[in-house]
Amino acid sequence: MTIGRGRSLRDLVQAGERSFSFEFFPPRDEAGEEQLWRAVSALEPYAPSFVSVTYGAGGSNRDTTVRITGRIARETSLLPMAHLTCVGHTREELEAILDEYEAAGVHHVMALRGDPAEGPRAPWTPTEGGLTYAQELVEMAAARGFRIGVAAFPERHPASPSLDFDADVLAAKARAGAEFAVTQMFFRADDYLALVERVRARGVDLPILPGIMPILNLSAIRRQGELIGTDVPPEIVARISRHEGDPAAMRAEGIALAAELCEELLAGGAPGLHFYTLNQSRATLEIFERLNVTV
């Protein structure tokens, strides 16, 4: 069930409902935009809780993100959640972007510190006149009445000294006004379940949605995992690698692995699933078929 402006994901979860949501990124050209809207149309009948639209480092996709989220708000039944990062913006610029979202009918934001332009492992340098922490962005958006999601990390954030530090940060964002979190992609259910335990031990009942990205291309996932600090377990590499040279079989194995992970997460108490779609619907729909999720 889609959450409305007056209903939070926390409300949905406390009512015993399960959340399914999808993430898209701003298309770079006309062909990419057509692909995005095909994916939106294919996934809309599943009535996700929300769909999120990412936001490039330093505001590189800001205008497109505002336009896409505004169009989703106007022309579909979906609830759009726009990403917003601290990177490259002053406080005044961030307030202006929130003004734009509000004017576009977008009242839900994913508040992120964001990564330096050089990547998540590069040293973090705040913009002069800007914000240093995602918590500050949460406070800014919450003060204006936005509903807020934040990022969570089942495996240690590349710039973090420890898993406990990550849990402390997530708890602080919840206390600042965040209503739920979405995790970075991961491939072991135990990593997610341990994160939830650490956060609960800090007295925080924030709903934490696991972020799901099926492995359709092993080398691409490995590169991304190295960048963001996500490990691809040897047993998964072994299962995928058995189909080396057969892209269709490799893809099918990746879908099967993702569905198995989803089943394990839901059985372990996850309040739902958040799918990184890469602006395509086919993989998500194939996972749904395996999970018996229907329109």
C-alpha atoms as a PDB file:
ATOM      1  CA  MET A   1       0.000   0.000   0.000  1.00  0.00           C
ATOM      2  CA  THR A   2       1.315   3.403  -0.951  1.00  0.00           C
ATOM      3  CA  ILE A   3       2.019   5.786   1.921  1.00  0.00           C
ATOM      4  CA  GLY A   4       0.407   9.205   1.681  1.00  0.00           C
ATOM      5  CA  ARG A   5       1.758  12.548   2.782  1.00  0.00           C
ATOM      6  CA  GLY A   6       0.184  12.100   6.199  1.00  0.00           C
ATOM      7  CA  ARG A   7       1.191   8.462   6.672  1.00  0.00           C
ATOM      8  CA  SER A   8       4.748   7.336   7.252  1.00  0.00           C
ATOM      9  CA  LEU A   9       6.431   4.067   6.427  1.00  0.00           C
ATOM     10  CA  ARG A  10       6.663   3.544  10.193  1.00  0.00           C
ATOM     11  CA  ASP A  11       2.821   3.702  10.323  1.00  0.00           C
ATOM     12  CA  LEU A  12       2.576   1.177   7.497  1.00  0.00           C
ATOM     13  CA  VAL A  13       4.984  -1.244   9.193  1.00  0.00           C
ATOM     14  CA  GLN A  14       3.322  -0.880  12.611  1.00  0.00           C
ATOM     15  CA  ALA A  15      -0.018  -1.729  10.970  1.00  0.00           C
ATOM     16  CA  GLY A  16       1.509  -5.033   9.905  1.00  0.00           C
ATOM     17  CA  GLU A  17       1.773  -4.181   6.223  1.00  0.00           C
ATOM     18  CA  ARG A  18       4.789  -5.011   4.051  1.00  0.00           C
ATOM     19  CA  SER A  19       6.606  -2.405   1.994  1.00  0.00           C
ATOM     20  CA  PHE A  20       7.861  -2.878  -1.548  1.00  0.00           C
ATOM     21  CA  SER A  21       9.639   0.056  -3.179  1.00  0.00           C
ATOM     22  CA  PHE A  22      11.756   0.832  -6.227  1.00  0.00           C
ATOM     23  CA  GLU A  23      14.675   3.125  -6.967  1.00  0.00           C
ATOM     24  CA  PHE A  24      15.302   4.887 -10.275  1.00  0.00           C
ATOM     25  CA  PHE A  25      18.041   7.247 -11.442  1.00  0.00           C
ATOM     26  CA  PRO A  26      17.730  10.400 -13.595  1.00  0.00           C
ATOM     27  CA  PRO A  27      18.072   9.422 -17.278  1.00  0.00           C
ATOM     28  CA  ARG A  28      20.863  11.014 -19.296  1.00  0.00           C
ATOM     29  CA  ASP A  29      19.092  11.231 -22.648  1.00  0.00           C
ATOM     30  CA  GLU A  30      15.755  10.787 -24.402  1.00  0.00           C
ATOM     31  CA  ALA A  31      16.197   7.051 -24.915  1.00  0.00           C
ATOM     32  CA  GLY A  32      17.034   6.640 -21.242  1.00  0.00           C
ATOM     33  CA  GLU A  33      13.954   8.612 -20.267  1.00  0.00           C
ATOM     34  CA  GLU A  34      11.737   6.395 -22.421  1.00  0.00           C
ATOM     35  CA  GLN A  35      13.247   3.333 -20.725  1.00  0.00           C
ATOM     36  CA  LEU A  36      12.625   4.864 -17.298  1.00  0.00           C
ATOM     37  CA  TRP A  37       8.941   5.511 -17.996  1.00  0.00           C
ATOM     38  CA  ARG A  38       8.498   1.999 -19.380  1.00  0.00           C
ATOM     39  CA  ALA A  39       9.864   0.661 -16.086  1.00  0.00           C
ATOM     40  CA  VAL A  40       7.630   2.996 -14.082  1.00  0.00           C
ATOM     41  CA  SER A  41       4.577   1.845 -16.048  1.00  0.00           C
ATOM     42  CA  ALA A  42       5.457  -1.834 -15.626  1.00  0.00           C
ATOM     43  CA  LEU A  43       5.980  -1.532 -11.871  1.00  0.00           C
ATOM     44  CA  GLU A  44       3.146   0.878 -11.019  1.00  0.00           C
ATOM     45  CA  PRO A  45       0.468  -1.874 -10.878  1.00  0.00           C
ATOM     46  CA  TYR A  46       2.317  -3.420  -7.917  1.00  0.00           C
ATOM     47  CA  ALA A  47       1.379  -0.345  -5.826  1.00  0.00           C
ATOM     48  CA  PRO A  48       4.775   0.180  -4.155  1.00  0.00           C
ATOM     49  CA  SER A  49       4.962   2.118  -0.892  1.00  0.00           C
ATOM     50  CA  PHE A  50       7.119   4.667  -2.707  1.00  0.00           C
ATOM     51  CA  VAL A  51       9.587   5.069  -5.556  1.00  0.00           C
ATOM     52  CA  SER A  52      12.814   6.992  -5.094  1.00  0.00           C
ATOM     53  CA  VAL A  53      14.788   8.977  -7.647  1.00  0.00           C
ATOM     54  CA  THR A  54      18.507   9.438  -7.083  1.00  0.00           C
ATOM     55  CA  TYR A  55      20.458  12.654  -7.218  1.00  0.00           C
ATOM     56  CA  GLY A  56      23.926  13.108  -8.716  1.00  0.00           C
ATOM     57  CA  ALA A  57      26.949  14.212  -6.748  1.00  0.00           C
ATOM     58  CA  GLY A  58      27.190  17.965  -6.489  1.00  0.00           C
ATOM     59  CA  GLY A  59      23.703  18.385  -7.917  1.00  0.00           C
ATOM     60  CA  SER A  60      24.719  17.128 -11.365  1.00  0.00           C
ATOM     61  CA  ASN A  61      21.236  15.661 -11.923  1.00  0.00           C
ATOM     62  CA  ARG A  62      19.275  18.025  -9.709  1.00  0.00           C
ATOM     63  CA  ASP A  63      16.995  19.521 -12.339  1.00  0.00           C
ATOM     64  CA  THR A  64      16.227  16.123 -13.840  1.00  0.00           C
ATOM     65  CA  THR A  65      15.498  14.643 -10.406  1.00  0.00           C
ATOM     66  CA  VAL A  66      13.088  17.488  -9.604  1.00  0.00           C
ATOM     67  CA  ARG A  67      11.395  17.102 -12.992  1.00  0.00           C
ATOM     68  CA  ILE A  68      11.088  13.317 -12.798  1.00  0.00           C
ATOM     69  CA  THR A  69       9.784  13.258  -9.225  1.00  0.00           C
ATOM     70  CA  GLY A  70       7.331  16.048 -10.053  1.00  0.00           C
ATOM     71  CA  ARG A  71       6.031  14.153 -13.065  1.00  0.00           C
ATOM     72  CA  ILE A  72       5.644  10.963 -11.016  1.00  0.00           C
ATOM     73  CA  ALA A  73       3.658  12.967  -8.443  1.00  0.00           C
ATOM     74  CA  ARG A  74       1.410  14.503 -11.107  1.00  0.00           C
ATOM     75  CA  GLU A  75       0.911  11.718 -13.622  1.00  0.00           C
ATOM     76  CA  THR A  76       1.013   8.431 -11.704  1.00  0.00           C
ATOM     77  CA  SER A  77      -0.485   6.862  -8.606  1.00  0.00           C
ATOM     78  CA  LEU A  78       3.024   6.426  -7.197  1.00  0.00           C
ATOM     79  CA  LEU A  79       4.475   8.311  -4.257  1.00  0.00           C
ATOM     80  CA  PRO A  80       7.850   9.797  -5.278  1.00  0.00           C
ATOM     81  CA  MET A  81      10.730  10.229  -2.864  1.00  0.00           C
ATOM     82  CA  ALA A  82      13.494  12.524  -4.111  1.00  0.00           C
ATOM     83  CA  HIS A  83      17.083  12.037  -3.062  1.00  0.00           C
ATOM     84  CA  LEU A  84      18.945  15.031  -1.682  1.00  0.00           C
ATOM     85  CA  THR A  85      22.629  15.200  -0.736  1.00  0.00           C
ATOM     86  CA  CYS A  86      24.844  17.650   1.100  1.00  0.00           C
ATOM     87  CA  VAL A  87      27.557  17.474  -1.576  1.00  0.00           C
ATOM     88  CA  GLY A  88      28.344  20.753  -3.285  1.00  0.00           C
ATOM     89  CA  HIS A  89      25.530  22.788  -1.730  1.00  0.00           C
ATOM     90  CA  THR A  90      25.259  25.591   0.794  1.00  0.00           C
ATOM     91  CA  ARG A  91      22.443  25.639   3.348  1.00  0.00           C
ATOM     92  CA  GLU A  92      20.642  28.248   1.255  1.00  0.00           C
ATOM     93  CA  GLU A  93      20.876  26.075  -1.867  1.00  0.00           C
ATOM     94  CA  LEU A  94      19.536  23.064   0.004  1.00  0.00           C
ATOM     95  CA  GLU A  95      16.601  25.125   1.278  1.00  0.00           C
ATOM     96  CA  ALA A  96      15.941  26.248  -2.308  1.00  0.00           C
ATOM     97  CA  ILE A  97      15.967  22.638  -3.552  1.00  0.00           C
ATOM     98  CA  LEU A  98      13.459  21.699  -0.861  1.00  0.00           C
ATOM     99  CA  ASP A  99      11.353  24.632  -2.094  1.00  0.00           C
ATOM    100  CA  GLU A 100      11.486  23.155  -5.606  1.00  0.00           C
ATOM    101  CA  TYR A 101      10.460  19.708  -4.394  1.00  0.00           C
ATOM    102  CA  GLU A 102       7.567  21.138  -2.407  1.00  0.00           C
ATOM    103  CA  ALA A 103       6.393  23.186  -5.400  1.00  0.00           C
ATOM    104  CA  ALA A 104       6.540  20.030  -7.534  1.00  0.00           C
ATOM    105  CA  GLY A 105       4.295  18.170  -5.093  1.00  0.00           C
ATOM    106  CA  VAL A 106       7.112  16.054  -3.660  1.00  0.00           C
ATOM    107  CA  HIS A 107       6.942  15.809   0.139  1.00  0.00           C
ATOM    108  CA  HIS A 108       9.214  12.823   0.798  1.00  0.00           C
ATOM    109  CA  VAL A 109      13.006  13.033   0.614  1.00  0.00           C
ATOM    110  CA  MET A 110      15.885  10.609   1.028  1.00  0.00           C
ATOM    111  CA  ALA A 111      18.355  12.713   3.012  1.00  0.00           C
ATOM    112  CA  LEU A 112      21.965  11.683   2.376  1.00  0.00           C
ATOM    113  CA  ARG A 113      25.353  13.138   3.084  1.00  0.00           C
ATOM    114  CA  GLY A 114      26.370  11.918  -0.344  1.00  0.00           C
ATOM    115  CA  ASP A 115      29.752  10.884  -1.702  1.00  0.00           C
ATOM    116  CA  PRO A 116      32.573  13.146  -2.865  1.00  0.00           C
ATOM    117  CA  ALA A 117      32.816  13.488  -6.637  1.00  0.00           C
ATOM    118  CA  GLU A 118      35.904  11.246  -6.486  1.00  0.00           C
ATOM    119  CA  GLY A 119      33.888   8.396  -4.944  1.00  0.00           C
ATOM    120  CA  PRO A 120      32.805   7.089  -1.527  1.00  0.00           C
ATOM    121  CA  ARG A 121      36.357   6.246  -0.463  1.00  0.00           C
ATOM    122  CA  ALA A 122      37.652   9.776  -1.080  1.00  0.00           C
ATOM    123  CA  PRO A 123      38.137  12.120   1.904  1.00  0.00           C
ATOM    124  CA  TRP A 124      35.025  14.099   2.812  1.00  0.00           C
ATOM    125  CA  THR A 125      35.297  17.886   2.674  1.00  0.00           C
ATOM    126  CA  PRO A 126      32.143  19.870   3.483  1.00  0.00           C
ATOM    127  CA  THR A 127      31.092  22.625   1.116  1.00  0.00           C
ATOM    128  CA  GLU A 128      31.748  26.070   2.557  1.00  0.00           C
ATOM    129  CA  GLY A 129      28.470  27.279   4.020  1.00  0.00           C
ATOM    130  CA  GLY A 130      27.004  23.794   3.687  1.00  0.00           C
ATOM    131  CA  LEU A 131      26.354  20.781   5.883  1.00  0.00           C
ATOM    132  CA  THR A 132      28.766  18.176   7.190  1.00  0.00           C
ATOM    133  CA  TYR A 133      26.444  15.349   8.195  1.00  0.00           C
ATOM    134  CA  ALA A 134      23.272  13.721   6.865  1.00  0.00           C
ATOM    135  CA  GLN A 135      21.780  14.261  10.322  1.00  0.00           C
ATOM    136  CA  GLU A 136      21.862  18.023   9.707  1.00  0.00           C
ATOM    137  CA  LEU A 137      20.000  17.561   6.422  1.00  0.00           C
ATOM    138  CA  VAL A 138      17.428  15.391   8.198  1.00  0.00           C
ATOM    139  CA  GLU A 139      16.893  18.160  10.750  1.00  0.00           C
ATOM    140  CA  MET A 140      16.523  20.762   7.984  1.00  0.00           C
ATOM    141  CA  ALA A 141      13.951  18.730   6.040  1.00  0.00           C
ATOM    142  CA  ALA A 142      12.059  17.630   9.158  1.00  0.00           C
ATOM    143  CA  ALA A 143      11.701  21.240  10.295  1.00  0.00           C
ATOM    144  CA  ARG A 144       9.821  21.904   7.062  1.00  0.00           C
ATOM    145  CA  GLY A 145       7.466  18.963   7.421  1.00  0.00           C
ATOM    146  CA  PHE A 146       9.050  16.582   4.906  1.00  0.00           C
ATOM    147  CA  ARG A 147       8.828  12.817   5.464  1.00  0.00           C
ATOM    148  CA  ILE A 148      12.377  11.494   5.495  1.00  0.00           C
ATOM    149  CA  GLY A 149      14.284   8.351   4.633  1.00  0.00           C
ATOM    150  CA  VAL A 150      18.014   7.834   5.188  1.00  0.00           C
ATOM    151  CA  ALA A 151      20.777   5.415   4.212  1.00  0.00           C
ATOM    152  CA  ALA A 152      21.928   2.422   6.248  1.00  0.00           C
ATOM    153  CA  PHE A 153      24.962   0.175   5.858  1.00  0.00           C
ATOM    154  CA  PRO A 154      24.841  -3.563   6.680  1.00  0.00           C
ATOM    155  CA  GLU A 155      28.561  -3.690   5.935  1.00  0.00           C
ATOM    156  CA  ARG A 156      30.804  -0.906   7.189  1.00  0.00           C
ATOM    157  CA  HIS A 157      30.591   2.394   5.310  1.00  0.00           C
ATOM    158  CA  PRO A 158      33.923   2.958   3.507  1.00  0.00           C
ATOM    159  CA  ALA A 159      34.642   6.044   5.647  1.00  0.00           C
ATOM    160  CA  SER A 160      33.458   4.543   8.948  1.00  0.00           C
ATOM    161  CA  PRO A 161      35.755   3.218  11.687  1.00  0.00           C
ATOM    162  CA  SER A 162      33.345   0.435  12.715  1.00  0.00           C
ATOM    163  CA  LEU A 163      29.946  -1.178  12.392  1.00  0.00           C
ATOM    164  CA  ASP A 164      29.033   0.202  15.819  1.00  0.00           C
ATOM    165  CA  PHE A 165      29.847   3.718  14.621  1.00  0.00           C
ATOM    166  CA  ASP A 166      27.506   3.202  11.644  1.00  0.00           C
ATOM    167  CA  ALA A 167      24.751   2.087  14.020  1.00  0.00           C
ATOM    168  CA  ASP A 168      25.332   5.163  16.192  1.00  0.00           C
ATOM    169  CA  VAL A 169      25.003   7.401  13.125  1.00  0.00           C
ATOM    170  CA  LEU A 170      21.795   5.697  12.002  1.00  0.00           C
ATOM    171  CA  ALA A 171      20.299   6.006  15.484  1.00  0.00           C
ATOM    172  CA  ALA A 172      21.182   9.722  15.534  1.00  0.00           C
ATOM    173  CA  LYS A 173      19.474  10.249  12.159  1.00  0.00           C
ATOM    174  CA  ALA A 174      16.357   8.536  13.491  1.00  0.00           C
ATOM    175  CA  ARG A 175      16.312  10.799  16.533  1.00  0.00           C
ATOM    176  CA  ALA A 176      16.747  13.812  14.236  1.00  0.00           C
ATOM    177  CA  GLY A 177      13.539  12.996  12.366  1.00  0.00           C
ATOM    178  CA  ALA A 178      14.192  10.170   9.890  1.00  0.00           C
ATOM    179  CA  GLU A 179      11.215   7.814   9.629  1.00  0.00           C
ATOM    180  CA  PHE A 180      12.888   4.872   7.945  1.00  0.00           C
ATOM    181  CA  ALA A 181      16.143   3.736   6.353  1.00  0.00           C
ATOM    182  CA  VAL A 182      17.115   1.915   3.163  1.00  0.00           C
ATOM    183  CA  THR A 183      20.295  -0.130   3.129  1.00  0.00           C
ATOM    184  CA  GLN A 184      23.115  -0.169   0.671  1.00  0.00           C
ATOM    185  CA  MET A 185      23.078  -3.342  -1.445  1.00  0.00           C
ATOM    186  CA  PHE A 186      24.371  -6.477   0.272  1.00  0.00           C
ATOM    187  CA  PHE A 187      24.315 -10.231  -0.315  1.00  0.00           C
ATOM    188  CA  ARG A 188      24.201 -11.888   3.137  1.00  0.00           C
ATOM    189  CA  ALA A 189      20.988 -11.757   5.160  1.00  0.00           C
ATOM    190  CA  ASP A 190      23.020 -12.073   8.365  1.00  0.00           C
ATOM    191  CA  ASP A 191      24.675  -8.695   7.687  1.00  0.00           C
ATOM    192  CA  TYR A 192      21.265  -7.023   7.503  1.00  0.00           C
ATOM    193  CA  LEU A 193      19.881  -8.812  10.555  1.00  0.00           C
ATOM    194  CA  ALA A 194      22.960  -7.883  12.598  1.00  0.00           C
ATOM    195  CA  LEU A 195      22.543  -4.213  11.613  1.00  0.00           C
ATOM    196  CA  VAL A 196      18.927  -4.276  12.799  1.00  0.00           C
ATOM    197  CA  GLU A 197      20.043  -5.801  16.103  1.00  0.00           C
ATOM    198  CA  ARG A 198      22.684  -3.097  16.618  1.00  0.00           C
ATOM    199  CA  VAL A 199      20.153  -0.333  15.973  1.00  0.00           C
ATOM    200  CA  ARG A 200      17.510  -1.897  18.221  1.00  0.00           C
ATOM    201  CA  ALA A 201      20.126  -2.207  20.976  1.00  0.00           C
ATOM    202  CA  ARG A 202      20.372   1.592  20.832  1.00  0.00           C
ATOM    203  CA  GLY A 203      16.673   1.941  21.611  1.00  0.00           C
ATOM    204  CA  VAL A 204      15.660   2.853  18.055  1.00  0.00           C
ATOM    205  CA  ASP A 205      12.753   1.103  16.289  1.00  0.00           C
ATOM    206  CA  LEU A 206      13.385   2.717  12.888  1.00  0.00           C
ATOM    207  CA  PRO A 207      12.082   0.503  10.038  1.00  0.00           C
ATOM    208  CA  ILE A 208      15.085  -0.576   7.948  1.00  0.00           C
ATOM    209  CA  LEU A 209      14.365  -1.683   4.379  1.00  0.00           C
ATOM    210  CA  PRO A 210      16.936  -4.005   2.800  1.00  0.00           C
ATOM    211  CA  GLY A 211      18.203  -2.745  -0.557  1.00  0.00           C
ATOM    212  CA  ILE A 212      18.199  -5.473  -3.208  1.00  0.00           C
ATOM    213  CA  MET A 213      20.289  -5.530  -6.377  1.00  0.00           C
ATOM    214  CA  PRO A 214      20.371  -8.829  -8.279  1.00  0.00           C
ATOM    215  CA  ILE A 215      23.704  -9.888  -9.750  1.00  0.00           C
ATOM    216  CA  LEU A 216      23.154  -9.811 -13.499  1.00  0.00           C
ATOM    217  CA  ASN A 217      26.797  -9.084 -14.312  1.00  0.00           C
ATOM    218  CA  LEU A 218      29.355 -10.397 -11.822  1.00  0.00           C
ATOM    219  CA  SER A 219      32.249  -8.141 -12.838  1.00  0.00           C
ATOM    220  CA  ALA A 220      30.060  -5.018 -12.657  1.00  0.00           C
ATOM    221  CA  ILE A 221      28.753  -5.932  -9.195  1.00  0.00           C
ATOM    222  CA  ARG A 222      32.284  -6.673  -7.995  1.00  0.00           C
ATOM    223  CA  ARG A 223      33.481  -3.245  -9.179  1.00  0.00           C
ATOM    224  CA  GLN A 224      30.578  -1.496  -7.507  1.00  0.00           C
ATOM    225  CA  GLY A 225      31.029  -3.550  -4.355  1.00  0.00           C
ATOM    226  CA  GLU A 226      34.685  -2.614  -4.098  1.00  0.00           C
ATOM    227  CA  LEU A 227      33.759   1.043  -4.471  1.00  0.00           C
ATOM    228  CA  ILE A 228      31.076   1.099  -1.771  1.00  0.00           C
ATOM    229  CA  GLY A 229      32.491  -1.534   0.560  1.00  0.00           C
ATOM    230  CA  THR A 230      30.067  -4.365  -0.222  1.00  0.00           C
ATOM    231  CA  ASP A 231      31.495  -7.869  -0.254  1.00  0.00           C
ATOM    232  CA  VAL A 232      30.384 -10.461  -2.787  1.00  0.00           C
ATOM    233  CA  PRO A 233      30.654 -13.716  -0.792  1.00  0.00           C
ATOM    234  CA  PRO A 234      32.756 -16.548  -2.289  1.00  0.00           C
ATOM    235  CA  GLU A 235      29.815 -18.952  -2.341  1.00  0.00           C
ATOM    236  CA  ILE A 236      27.833 -16.499  -4.475  1.00  0.00           C
ATOM    237  CA  VAL A 237      30.781 -15.924  -6.795  1.00  0.00           C
ATOM    238  CA  ALA A 238      31.073 -19.703  -7.167  1.00  0.00           C
ATOM    239  CA  ARG A 239      27.396 -20.133  -8.060  1.00  0.00           C
ATOM    240  CA  ILE A 240      27.471 -17.315 -10.606  1.00  0.00           C
ATOM    241  CA  SER A 241      30.849 -18.332 -12.056  1.00  0.00           C
ATOM    242  CA  ARG A 242      29.606 -21.825 -12.880  1.00  0.00           C
ATOM    243  CA  HIS A 243      27.711 -20.197 -15.739  1.00  0.00           C
ATOM    244  CA  GLU A 244      30.669 -18.274 -17.167  1.00  0.00           C
ATOM    245  CA  GLY A 245      30.185 -17.937 -20.920  1.00  0.00           C
ATOM    246  CA  ASP A 246      26.409 -18.361 -20.727  1.00  0.00           C
ATOM    247  CA  PRO A 247      24.944 -14.893 -20.020  1.00  0.00           C
ATOM    248  CA  ALA A 248      21.345 -16.164 -19.867  1.00  0.00           C
ATOM    249  CA  ALA A 249      22.177 -18.852 -17.319  1.00  0.00           C
ATOM    250  CA  MET A 250      24.318 -16.434 -15.312  1.00  0.00           C
ATOM    251  CA  ARG A 251      21.461 -13.953 -15.236  1.00  0.00           C
ATOM    252  CA  ALA A 252      18.982 -16.631 -14.153  1.00  0.00           C
ATOM    253  CA  GLU A 253      21.295 -17.650 -11.325  1.00  0.00           C
ATOM    254  CA  GLY A 254      21.562 -14.014 -10.230  1.00  0.00           C
ATOM    255  CA  ILE A 255      17.765 -13.715 -10.117  1.00  0.00           C
ATOM    256  CA  ALA A 256      17.516 -16.971  -8.145  1.00  0.00           C
ATOM    257  CA  LEU A 257      20.106 -15.749  -5.625  1.00  0.00           C
ATOM    258  CA  ALA A 258      18.290 -12.436  -5.181  1.00  0.00           C
ATOM    259  CA  ALA A 259      14.965 -14.205  -4.633  1.00  0.00           C
ATOM    260  CA  GLU A 260      16.549 -16.515  -2.063  1.00  0.00           C
ATOM    261  CA  LEU A 261      17.984 -13.509  -0.238  1.00  0.00           C
ATOM    262  CA  CYS A 262      14.583 -11.780  -0.272  1.00  0.00           C
ATOM    263  CA  GLU A 263      12.887 -14.862   1.167  1.00  0.00           C
ATOM    264  CA  GLU A 264      15.466 -15.126   3.935  1.00  0.00           C
ATOM    265  CA  LEU A 265      15.153 -11.423   4.784  1.00  0.00           C
ATOM    266  CA  LEU A 266      11.357 -11.482   4.929  1.00  0.00           C
ATOM    267  CA  ALA A 267      11.421 -14.646   7.037  1.00  0.00           C
ATOM    268  CA  GLY A 268      13.886 -12.896   9.343  1.00  0.00           C
ATOM    269  CA  GLY A 269      11.505  -9.996   9.943  1.00  0.00           C
ATOM    270  CA  ALA A 270      12.461  -7.405   7.327  1.00  0.00           C
ATOM    271  CA  PRO A 271       9.535  -4.956   6.925  1.00  0.00           C
ATOM    272  CA  GLY A 272       9.772  -5.110   3.144  1.00  0.00           C
ATOM    273  CA  LEU A 273      12.167  -4.859   0.214  1.00  0.00           C
ATOM    274  CA  HIS A 274      13.632  -1.945  -1.748  1.00  0.00           C
ATOM    275  CA  PHE A 275      14.764  -2.766  -5.281  1.00  0.00           C
ATOM    276  CA  TYR A 276      17.571  -0.972  -7.120  1.00  0.00           C
ATOM    277  CA  THR A 277      16.005  -1.243 -10.573  1.00  0.00           C
ATOM    278  CA  LEU A 278      18.673   0.455 -12.729  1.00  0.00           C
ATOM    279  CA  ASN A 279      15.631   1.911 -14.565  1.00  0.00           C
ATOM    280  CA  GLN A 280      14.490  -1.502 -15.763  1.00  0.00           C
ATOM    281  CA  SER A 281      11.588  -3.625 -14.571  1.00  0.00           C
ATOM    282  CA  ARG A 282      12.347  -7.103 -15.868  1.00  0.00           C
ATOM    283  CA  ALA A 283      14.660  -8.340 -13.083  1.00  0.00           C
ATOM    284  CA  THR A 284      12.407  -7.005 -10.315  1.00  0.00           C
ATOM    285  CA  LEU A 285       9.350  -8.616 -11.915  1.00  0.00           C
ATOM    286  CA  GLU A 286      11.187 -11.938 -12.215  1.00  0.00           C
ATOM    287  CA  ILE A 287      12.053 -11.784  -8.510  1.00  0.00           C
ATOM    288  CA  PHE A 288       8.436 -10.940  -7.709  1.00  0.00           C
ATOM    289  CA  GLU A 289       7.327 -13.995  -9.670  1.00  0.00           C
ATOM    290  CA  ARG A 290       9.594 -16.210  -7.557  1.00  0.00           C
ATOM    291  CA  LEU A 291       8.270 -14.572  -4.377  1.00  0.00           C
ATOM    292  CA  ASN A 292       4.656 -14.935  -5.548  1.00  0.00           C
ATOM    293  CA  VAL A 293       4.153 -11.169  -5.366  1.00  0.00           C
ATOM    294  CA  THR A 294       1.219 -10.328  -7.625  1.00  0.00           C
ATOM    295  CA  VAL A 295      -0.626  -7.218  -8.748  1.00  0.00           C
END
